[in-house]
Protein backbone atom coordinates (compact mmCIF):
# COMPACT_ATOMS: atom_id res chain seq x y z
CA MET A 1 -39.13 -246.35 -159.83
CA PRO A 2 -41.30 -244.00 -159.67
CA ILE A 3 -41.60 -243.67 -162.77
CA LEU A 4 -41.06 -245.91 -165.80
CA PHE A 5 -40.30 -244.97 -168.98
CA LYS A 6 -41.27 -247.86 -172.34
CA ASN A 7 -41.30 -246.00 -175.82
CA ASP A 8 -42.97 -243.21 -176.04
CA HIS A 9 -45.13 -243.20 -172.80
CA ALA A 10 -44.08 -242.45 -169.12
CA PHE A 11 -45.63 -244.51 -166.43
CA PHE A 12 -45.70 -242.35 -162.65
CA ARG A 13 -46.08 -244.65 -159.52
CA ASP A 14 -46.40 -244.02 -156.40
CA ALA A 15 -44.47 -240.60 -155.08
CA VAL A 16 -42.36 -239.12 -157.97
CA SER A 17 -39.58 -236.74 -156.09
CA VAL A 18 -37.35 -234.23 -157.31
CA GLU A 19 -34.47 -236.80 -158.17
CA GLU A 20 -36.62 -238.04 -161.25
CA ALA A 21 -36.92 -234.57 -162.47
CA GLU A 22 -33.89 -233.57 -164.31
CA GLY A 23 -34.36 -237.72 -166.22
CA LEU A 24 -37.91 -236.77 -166.98
CA LEU A 25 -37.03 -233.96 -168.64
CA GLU A 26 -33.99 -235.40 -170.56
CA TRP A 27 -37.02 -238.11 -171.60
CA LEU A 28 -39.61 -235.40 -172.78
CA GLN A 29 -37.21 -233.78 -174.83
CA GLN A 30 -35.92 -236.60 -177.20
CA GLN A 31 -40.22 -237.62 -177.51
CA PRO A 32 -42.06 -234.51 -179.16
CA SER A 33 -45.67 -237.30 -178.44
CA ALA A 34 -45.00 -238.45 -175.81
CA LYS A 35 -47.55 -239.58 -172.89
CA VAL A 36 -48.09 -239.55 -169.87
CA ASP A 37 -49.86 -241.97 -167.30
CA LEU A 38 -50.06 -240.20 -163.49
CA SER A 39 -52.74 -243.13 -162.87
CA ASP A 40 -50.99 -245.08 -160.65
CA CYS A 41 -48.85 -241.45 -158.86
CA CYS A 42 -49.97 -240.50 -155.19
CA HIS A 43 -48.00 -237.43 -154.77
CA LEU A 44 -45.80 -235.32 -157.33
CA HIS A 45 -42.98 -232.78 -156.20
CA THR A 46 -43.14 -229.17 -158.15
CA ALA A 47 -40.28 -229.22 -159.79
CA ASN A 48 -41.71 -232.66 -162.09
CA LEU A 49 -44.85 -230.34 -162.35
CA GLN A 50 -43.13 -227.12 -163.24
CA VAL A 51 -40.95 -230.29 -166.29
CA LEU A 52 -44.40 -231.06 -167.40
CA MET A 53 -45.61 -227.51 -167.63
CA ALA A 54 -43.15 -226.48 -169.84
CA ALA A 55 -43.18 -230.05 -172.11
CA LYS A 56 -46.79 -230.31 -172.31
CA PRO A 57 -47.02 -234.14 -173.11
CA ALA A 58 -50.25 -235.18 -173.27
CA ILE A 59 -51.84 -236.96 -170.09
CA SER A 60 -53.90 -240.25 -171.15
CA ARG A 61 -54.52 -241.31 -167.19
CA TRP A 62 -55.17 -238.65 -164.33
CA PRO A 63 -54.25 -240.06 -161.05
CA GLU A 64 -56.57 -241.88 -158.72
CA ASP A 65 -56.15 -239.87 -156.10
CA ALA A 66 -59.18 -236.55 -156.62
CA LYS A 67 -57.11 -234.03 -154.95
CA LEU A 68 -53.62 -235.06 -156.72
CA ARG A 69 -55.97 -235.28 -159.85
CA ALA A 70 -57.84 -231.39 -159.76
CA TRP A 71 -54.95 -229.75 -158.47
CA LEU A 72 -52.58 -231.64 -161.77
CA GLU A 73 -55.88 -230.63 -164.11
CA ALA A 74 -55.80 -227.38 -163.01
CA ALA A 75 -52.70 -227.12 -163.40
CA LEU A 76 -51.33 -228.71 -166.92
CA PRO A 77 -54.66 -227.82 -168.88
CA PRO A 78 -55.56 -229.94 -171.94
CA PRO A 79 -53.45 -228.41 -175.15
CA ALA A 80 -56.26 -225.91 -176.92
CA LYS A 81 -57.83 -226.81 -180.44
CA LEU A 82 -56.56 -225.29 -183.67
CA GLN A 83 -59.89 -224.27 -184.97
CA LYS A 84 -60.30 -224.09 -188.38
CA PRO A 85 -60.08 -220.91 -190.07
CA LYS A 86 -63.82 -220.18 -191.64
CA PRO A 87 -63.87 -220.21 -195.50
CA HIS A 88 -64.89 -217.18 -197.41
CA PRO A 89 -67.77 -216.99 -198.99
CA PRO A 90 -67.80 -218.71 -202.98
CA ASN A 91 -68.96 -215.08 -203.87
CA ARG A 92 -66.76 -212.71 -201.87
CA ARG A 93 -66.95 -210.16 -204.34
CA HIS A 94 -66.48 -206.48 -202.73
CA SER A 95 -66.88 -204.17 -205.37
CA ARG A 96 -64.48 -200.68 -206.22
CA ARG A 97 -68.48 -199.65 -205.43
CA ALA A 98 -69.04 -200.88 -202.09
CA THR A 99 -66.01 -200.12 -200.67
CA ALA A 100 -66.06 -196.49 -202.33
CA LEU A 101 -69.71 -195.92 -200.95
CA HIS A 102 -67.68 -197.32 -197.50
CA LYS A 103 -65.27 -194.10 -197.66
CA GLU A 104 -68.11 -191.97 -198.50
CA LYS A 105 -70.67 -192.94 -195.67
CA VAL A 106 -67.14 -193.18 -193.33
CA THR A 107 -66.16 -189.72 -195.17
CA GLU A 108 -69.65 -188.11 -194.36
CA VAL A 109 -69.45 -189.20 -190.38
CA ILE A 110 -66.44 -187.64 -190.12
CA SER A 111 -67.47 -184.64 -191.02
CA GLU A 112 -70.54 -184.34 -189.47
CA ILE A 113 -68.07 -184.97 -185.70
CA ALA A 114 -65.89 -181.79 -187.69
CA LEU A 115 -68.61 -180.08 -187.46
CA GLU A 116 -70.24 -180.26 -184.05
CA PRO A 117 -69.60 -177.40 -182.09
CA VAL A 118 -68.04 -178.24 -178.99
CA PRO A 119 -69.64 -177.65 -175.59
């Protein structure tokens, strides 16, 4: 078998053909935390690549073949890491006075622009 499913891991071996795409999709839909080991894969049909691109499983190991690895790494980038939002400064007191000064400055700039003659 070109794909061996064991617990939450799929092990790709040798040439993985189009016939495996449907089974791979069904398995990935049932395994939200799936991991894929491509280390023993020497050929991957594009139907399987499309399934991997859509499901976005974690890749635990890449193929040993350098060309296949480069092709797959380009098509299956690692998931983006979520960045924590920056905390607000402890003393975030933008007073009404600061807001009023800002509005005043904006109004001043707008009025200056409106007063300039049009060439």
